[in-house]
N, C-alpha and C. Protein backbone atom coordinates (compact mmCIF):
# COMPACT_ATOMS: atom_id res chain seq x y z
N MET A 1 -12.68 22.98 14.92
CA MET A 1 -13.24 21.69 14.58
C MET A 1 -13.25 20.84 15.85
N THR A 2 -14.36 20.20 16.08
CA THR A 2 -14.48 19.35 17.26
C THR A 2 -13.91 17.96 16.98
N LEU A 3 -13.71 17.20 18.04
CA LEU A 3 -13.24 15.82 17.90
C LEU A 3 -14.25 15.00 17.09
N LYS A 4 -15.52 15.26 17.31
CA LYS A 4 -16.57 14.56 16.56
C LYS A 4 -16.41 14.80 15.06
N HIS A 5 -16.18 16.04 14.69
CA HIS A 5 -16.01 16.37 13.27
C HIS A 5 -14.74 15.71 12.71
N PHE A 6 -13.67 15.76 13.48
CA PHE A 6 -12.42 15.15 13.05
C PHE A 6 -12.60 13.65 12.81
N LEU A 7 -13.23 12.97 13.77
CA LEU A 7 -13.44 11.53 13.64
C LEU A 7 -14.38 11.21 12.47
N THR A 8 -15.36 12.06 12.24
CA THR A 8 -16.25 11.86 11.10
C THR A 8 -15.48 11.98 9.79
N LEU A 9 -14.57 12.95 9.71
CA LEU A 9 -13.77 13.11 8.50
C LEU A 9 -12.82 11.93 8.28
N VAL A 10 -12.28 11.39 9.36
CA VAL A 10 -11.44 10.18 9.25
C VAL A 10 -12.30 9.01 8.78
N MET A 11 -13.52 8.91 9.29
CA MET A 11 -14.43 7.86 8.86
C MET A 11 -14.75 8.01 7.36
N VAL A 12 -14.96 9.24 6.90
CA VAL A 12 -15.22 9.49 5.48
C VAL A 12 -14.04 9.01 4.64
N ALA A 13 -12.82 9.33 5.07
CA ALA A 13 -11.63 8.88 4.34
C ALA A 13 -11.54 7.36 4.33
N THR A 14 -11.89 6.73 5.44
CA THR A 14 -11.86 5.28 5.53
C THR A 14 -12.91 4.64 4.62
N LEU A 15 -14.13 5.15 4.66
CA LEU A 15 -15.19 4.62 3.80
C LEU A 15 -14.84 4.81 2.33
N THR A 16 -14.29 5.96 1.98
CA THR A 16 -13.88 6.23 0.60
C THR A 16 -12.80 5.25 0.17
N SER A 17 -11.83 5.02 1.04
CA SER A 17 -10.74 4.08 0.73
C SER A 17 -11.26 2.66 0.55
N LEU A 18 -12.14 2.23 1.45
CA LEU A 18 -12.73 0.90 1.32
C LEU A 18 -13.59 0.80 0.06
N GLY A 19 -14.25 1.89 -0.30
CA GLY A 19 -15.02 1.93 -1.54
C GLY A 19 -14.12 1.72 -2.75
N GLN A 20 -12.95 2.36 -2.74
CA GLN A 20 -11.99 2.19 -3.84
C GLN A 20 -11.53 0.73 -3.94
N ILE A 21 -11.24 0.13 -2.81
CA ILE A 21 -10.79 -1.26 -2.80
C ILE A 21 -11.90 -2.16 -3.34
N SER A 22 -13.12 -1.93 -2.93
CA SER A 22 -14.25 -2.72 -3.39
C SER A 22 -14.45 -2.55 -4.91
N LEU A 23 -14.35 -1.32 -5.40
CA LEU A 23 -14.49 -1.07 -6.83
C LEU A 23 -13.39 -1.78 -7.61
N LYS A 24 -12.17 -1.73 -7.13
CA LYS A 24 -11.05 -2.39 -7.79
C LYS A 24 -11.28 -3.89 -7.83
N TYR A 25 -11.68 -4.46 -6.71
CA TYR A 25 -11.93 -5.90 -6.64
C TYR A 25 -13.01 -6.31 -7.63
N GLY A 26 -14.07 -5.53 -7.68
CA GLY A 26 -15.15 -5.82 -8.62
C GLY A 26 -14.76 -5.59 -10.06
N ALA A 27 -13.96 -4.56 -10.31
CA ALA A 27 -13.56 -4.22 -11.68
C ALA A 27 -12.71 -5.31 -12.32
N GLU A 28 -11.97 -6.03 -11.51
CA GLU A 28 -11.09 -7.07 -12.05
C GLU A 28 -11.86 -8.19 -12.73
N SER A 29 -13.13 -8.35 -12.42
CA SER A 29 -13.90 -9.45 -13.00
C SER A 29 -14.83 -8.98 -14.12
N LEU A 30 -14.79 -7.69 -14.47
CA LEU A 30 -15.71 -7.18 -15.49
C LEU A 30 -15.20 -7.45 -16.90
N ALA A 31 -16.15 -7.54 -17.82
CA ALA A 31 -15.84 -7.77 -19.22
C ALA A 31 -15.19 -6.52 -19.83
N GLU A 32 -14.47 -6.71 -20.92
CA GLU A 32 -13.76 -5.62 -21.59
C GLU A 32 -14.67 -4.67 -22.36
N GLY A 33 -15.59 -5.20 -23.15
CA GLY A 33 -16.40 -4.37 -24.03
C GLY A 33 -17.37 -3.48 -23.27
N PHE A 34 -17.58 -2.25 -23.77
CA PHE A 34 -18.45 -1.29 -23.08
C PHE A 34 -19.88 -1.80 -22.99
N ASN A 35 -20.37 -2.45 -24.04
CA ASN A 35 -21.75 -2.95 -24.03
C ASN A 35 -21.95 -4.02 -22.97
N GLN A 36 -20.91 -4.75 -22.67
CA GLN A 36 -20.99 -5.79 -21.64
C GLN A 36 -20.62 -5.24 -20.27
N PHE A 37 -19.86 -4.17 -20.27
CA PHE A 37 -19.33 -3.61 -19.02
C PHE A 37 -20.45 -3.10 -18.10
N ILE A 38 -21.32 -2.27 -18.63
CA ILE A 38 -22.36 -1.64 -17.80
C ILE A 38 -23.28 -2.68 -17.15
N PRO A 39 -23.88 -3.60 -17.92
CA PRO A 39 -24.75 -4.60 -17.26
C PRO A 39 -24.00 -5.43 -16.22
N ALA A 40 -22.76 -5.79 -16.54
CA ALA A 40 -21.97 -6.59 -15.59
C ALA A 40 -21.67 -5.80 -14.33
N ALA A 41 -21.33 -4.52 -14.49
CA ALA A 41 -21.01 -3.68 -13.33
C ALA A 41 -22.23 -3.51 -12.43
N LEU A 42 -23.39 -3.37 -13.03
CA LEU A 42 -24.61 -3.16 -12.26
C LEU A 42 -25.06 -4.42 -11.51
N GLN A 43 -24.47 -5.56 -11.87
CA GLN A 43 -24.81 -6.81 -11.19
C GLN A 43 -23.68 -7.32 -10.30
N ASN A 44 -22.60 -6.58 -10.25
CA ASN A 44 -21.42 -7.01 -9.49
C ASN A 44 -21.53 -6.50 -8.05
N ILE A 45 -21.56 -7.42 -7.11
CA ILE A 45 -21.76 -7.05 -5.69
C ILE A 45 -20.65 -6.14 -5.18
N TRP A 46 -19.42 -6.33 -5.68
CA TRP A 46 -18.30 -5.49 -5.22
C TRP A 46 -18.41 -4.07 -5.75
N ILE A 47 -18.87 -3.91 -6.98
CA ILE A 47 -19.10 -2.58 -7.55
C ILE A 47 -20.23 -1.89 -6.79
N ILE A 48 -21.30 -2.61 -6.56
CA ILE A 48 -22.44 -2.05 -5.82
C ILE A 48 -22.01 -1.66 -4.41
N THR A 49 -21.23 -2.52 -3.76
CA THR A 49 -20.73 -2.21 -2.41
C THR A 49 -19.86 -0.96 -2.43
N GLY A 50 -18.96 -0.87 -3.40
CA GLY A 50 -18.09 0.30 -3.50
C GLY A 50 -18.88 1.58 -3.69
N LEU A 51 -19.87 1.54 -4.56
CA LEU A 51 -20.72 2.72 -4.77
C LEU A 51 -21.52 3.05 -3.51
N GLY A 52 -21.97 2.02 -2.81
CA GLY A 52 -22.68 2.24 -1.55
C GLY A 52 -21.81 2.90 -0.50
N LEU A 53 -20.56 2.43 -0.41
CA LEU A 53 -19.63 3.04 0.55
C LEU A 53 -19.36 4.50 0.20
N TYR A 54 -19.22 4.77 -1.10
CA TYR A 54 -19.06 6.16 -1.55
C TYR A 54 -20.26 7.01 -1.14
N ALA A 55 -21.47 6.47 -1.34
CA ALA A 55 -22.68 7.21 -1.02
C ALA A 55 -22.75 7.52 0.48
N ILE A 56 -22.44 6.53 1.30
CA ILE A 56 -22.45 6.75 2.76
C ILE A 56 -21.40 7.80 3.13
N ALA A 57 -20.21 7.69 2.54
CA ALA A 57 -19.15 8.67 2.82
C ALA A 57 -19.60 10.07 2.44
N MET A 58 -20.26 10.21 1.28
CA MET A 58 -20.71 11.53 0.83
C MET A 58 -21.74 12.13 1.77
N ILE A 59 -22.62 11.30 2.30
CA ILE A 59 -23.63 11.81 3.24
C ILE A 59 -22.94 12.41 4.47
N PHE A 60 -21.97 11.68 5.03
CA PHE A 60 -21.24 12.19 6.20
C PHE A 60 -20.39 13.41 5.83
N TRP A 61 -19.79 13.40 4.64
CA TRP A 61 -18.97 14.52 4.18
C TRP A 61 -19.81 15.79 4.09
N ILE A 62 -20.97 15.69 3.45
CA ILE A 62 -21.84 16.85 3.28
C ILE A 62 -22.32 17.37 4.63
N GLN A 63 -22.69 16.46 5.52
CA GLN A 63 -23.12 16.88 6.85
C GLN A 63 -22.01 17.61 7.59
N THR A 64 -20.78 17.16 7.41
CA THR A 64 -19.66 17.75 8.14
C THR A 64 -19.26 19.11 7.56
N ILE A 65 -19.22 19.21 6.22
CA ILE A 65 -18.78 20.50 5.65
C ILE A 65 -19.85 21.58 5.77
N ARG A 66 -21.03 21.21 6.25
CA ARG A 66 -22.02 22.24 6.56
C ARG A 66 -21.52 23.13 7.70
N VAL A 67 -20.74 22.54 8.62
CA VAL A 67 -20.32 23.27 9.81
C VAL A 67 -18.81 23.45 9.93
N VAL A 68 -18.05 22.68 9.16
CA VAL A 68 -16.59 22.79 9.20
C VAL A 68 -16.15 23.46 7.91
N PRO A 69 -15.31 24.50 7.99
CA PRO A 69 -14.84 25.14 6.77
C PRO A 69 -14.15 24.13 5.84
N LEU A 70 -14.36 24.27 4.56
CA LEU A 70 -13.82 23.33 3.59
C LEU A 70 -12.29 23.28 3.65
N ASN A 71 -11.67 24.44 3.86
CA ASN A 71 -10.19 24.46 3.93
C ASN A 71 -9.67 23.75 5.18
N VAL A 72 -10.53 23.47 6.13
CA VAL A 72 -10.16 22.70 7.32
C VAL A 72 -10.44 21.21 7.08
N ALA A 73 -11.53 20.92 6.38
CA ALA A 73 -11.93 19.53 6.17
C ALA A 73 -11.10 18.82 5.10
N ILE A 74 -10.74 19.53 4.05
CA ILE A 74 -10.07 18.90 2.90
C ILE A 74 -8.76 18.21 3.25
N PRO A 75 -7.88 18.77 4.08
CA PRO A 75 -6.61 18.07 4.32
C PRO A 75 -6.79 16.64 4.85
N ILE A 76 -7.82 16.41 5.64
CA ILE A 76 -8.03 15.07 6.18
C ILE A 76 -8.40 14.09 5.07
N SER A 77 -9.01 14.58 4.01
CA SER A 77 -9.34 13.68 2.90
C SER A 77 -8.07 13.12 2.25
N GLY A 78 -6.94 13.77 2.48
CA GLY A 78 -5.66 13.26 2.00
C GLY A 78 -5.29 11.92 2.60
N LEU A 79 -5.95 11.56 3.69
CA LEU A 79 -5.69 10.25 4.30
C LEU A 79 -6.01 9.10 3.35
N THR A 80 -6.90 9.35 2.39
CA THR A 80 -7.22 8.29 1.43
C THR A 80 -5.97 7.88 0.65
N PHE A 81 -5.08 8.83 0.38
CA PHE A 81 -3.84 8.53 -0.35
C PHE A 81 -2.86 7.73 0.50
N VAL A 82 -3.09 7.71 1.79
CA VAL A 82 -2.28 6.90 2.71
C VAL A 82 -2.94 5.54 2.90
N MET A 83 -4.25 5.54 3.07
CA MET A 83 -4.97 4.30 3.37
C MET A 83 -5.03 3.35 2.18
N ILE A 84 -5.26 3.86 0.98
CA ILE A 84 -5.49 2.99 -0.17
C ILE A 84 -4.29 2.09 -0.48
N PRO A 85 -3.05 2.60 -0.51
CA PRO A 85 -1.95 1.67 -0.79
C PRO A 85 -1.84 0.54 0.24
N PHE A 86 -2.06 0.87 1.51
CA PHE A 86 -1.93 -0.14 2.55
C PHE A 86 -3.10 -1.13 2.51
N LEU A 87 -4.31 -0.63 2.27
CA LEU A 87 -5.46 -1.53 2.16
C LEU A 87 -5.35 -2.40 0.91
N SER A 88 -4.85 -1.82 -0.18
CA SER A 88 -4.71 -2.62 -1.40
C SER A 88 -3.65 -3.70 -1.22
N SER A 89 -2.68 -3.43 -0.38
CA SER A 89 -1.67 -4.45 -0.08
C SER A 89 -2.28 -5.56 0.77
N LEU A 90 -3.01 -5.18 1.81
CA LEU A 90 -3.61 -6.15 2.72
C LEU A 90 -4.71 -6.98 2.06
N ILE A 91 -5.58 -6.30 1.30
CA ILE A 91 -6.78 -6.96 0.78
C ILE A 91 -6.57 -7.53 -0.62
N LEU A 92 -5.87 -6.76 -1.47
CA LEU A 92 -5.72 -7.18 -2.87
C LEU A 92 -4.37 -7.82 -3.16
N GLY A 93 -3.47 -7.77 -2.19
CA GLY A 93 -2.14 -8.35 -2.40
C GLY A 93 -1.24 -7.52 -3.28
N GLU A 94 -1.56 -6.24 -3.46
CA GLU A 94 -0.72 -5.37 -4.28
C GLU A 94 0.54 -4.97 -3.50
N GLU A 95 1.57 -4.65 -4.22
CA GLU A 95 2.84 -4.29 -3.61
C GLU A 95 2.84 -2.82 -3.20
N VAL A 96 3.36 -2.55 -2.02
CA VAL A 96 3.55 -1.17 -1.56
C VAL A 96 5.04 -0.88 -1.65
N SER A 97 5.38 0.12 -2.43
CA SER A 97 6.79 0.44 -2.67
C SER A 97 7.33 1.39 -1.60
N LYS A 98 8.65 1.55 -1.61
CA LYS A 98 9.28 2.52 -0.71
C LYS A 98 8.73 3.91 -0.98
N SER A 99 8.50 4.21 -2.26
CA SER A 99 7.95 5.52 -2.62
C SER A 99 6.59 5.74 -1.98
N ASN A 100 5.77 4.67 -1.93
CA ASN A 100 4.47 4.79 -1.26
C ASN A 100 4.63 5.14 0.22
N PHE A 101 5.59 4.46 0.88
CA PHE A 101 5.84 4.75 2.30
C PHE A 101 6.31 6.19 2.50
N ILE A 102 7.25 6.61 1.67
CA ILE A 102 7.78 7.97 1.79
C ILE A 102 6.69 8.99 1.49
N GLY A 103 5.94 8.75 0.41
CA GLY A 103 4.86 9.67 0.06
C GLY A 103 3.80 9.74 1.14
N SER A 104 3.49 8.60 1.72
CA SER A 104 2.50 8.58 2.81
C SER A 104 2.99 9.39 4.00
N GLY A 105 4.27 9.28 4.28
CA GLY A 105 4.85 10.08 5.37
C GLY A 105 4.72 11.57 5.10
N PHE A 106 4.99 11.99 3.87
CA PHE A 106 4.85 13.41 3.51
C PHE A 106 3.39 13.87 3.61
N ILE A 107 2.47 13.01 3.20
CA ILE A 107 1.05 13.37 3.28
C ILE A 107 0.64 13.54 4.74
N ILE A 108 1.06 12.62 5.59
CA ILE A 108 0.72 12.72 7.01
C ILE A 108 1.33 13.99 7.61
N MET A 109 2.58 14.28 7.24
CA MET A 109 3.20 15.52 7.74
C MET A 109 2.44 16.74 7.24
N GLY A 110 2.02 16.71 6.00
CA GLY A 110 1.25 17.83 5.44
C GLY A 110 -0.08 18.04 6.16
N ILE A 111 -0.75 16.94 6.46
CA ILE A 111 -2.00 17.04 7.20
C ILE A 111 -1.75 17.62 8.59
N TYR A 112 -0.70 17.13 9.23
CA TYR A 112 -0.34 17.64 10.56
C TYR A 112 -0.04 19.14 10.50
N LEU A 113 0.77 19.53 9.52
CA LEU A 113 1.16 20.95 9.41
C LEU A 113 -0.03 21.85 9.11
N SER A 114 -1.02 21.32 8.41
CA SER A 114 -2.18 22.15 8.09
C SER A 114 -3.02 22.46 9.33
N TYR A 115 -2.82 21.68 10.38
CA TYR A 115 -3.56 21.92 11.62
C TYR A 115 -2.69 22.47 12.74
N ALA A 116 -1.38 22.55 12.52
CA ALA A 116 -0.47 23.01 13.57
C ALA A 116 -0.60 24.51 13.80
């Protein structure tokens, strides 16, 4: 895997994580009932942004896995499990627990070991 592919996969993880944050932010303002949920979601800028970020991430993901073996690309996607708790803390004000820190450390070690 080249540096370009590695950086693209990190970008995919980042876009996916930001998409999750955007979806969460938008979801907090949606109505409860299903009949009201869909129209509201389709008009919510944060939901639309989140879906757009997902779409962009998927385009780069598909382009990358054309040339990088899936078993090489997948471990980097684990970075989303590290990024989301920290981004949700920074952007949404959610609490990051000690377990999140420890788990993130294990995920990073796992990603490292998969390439060692």
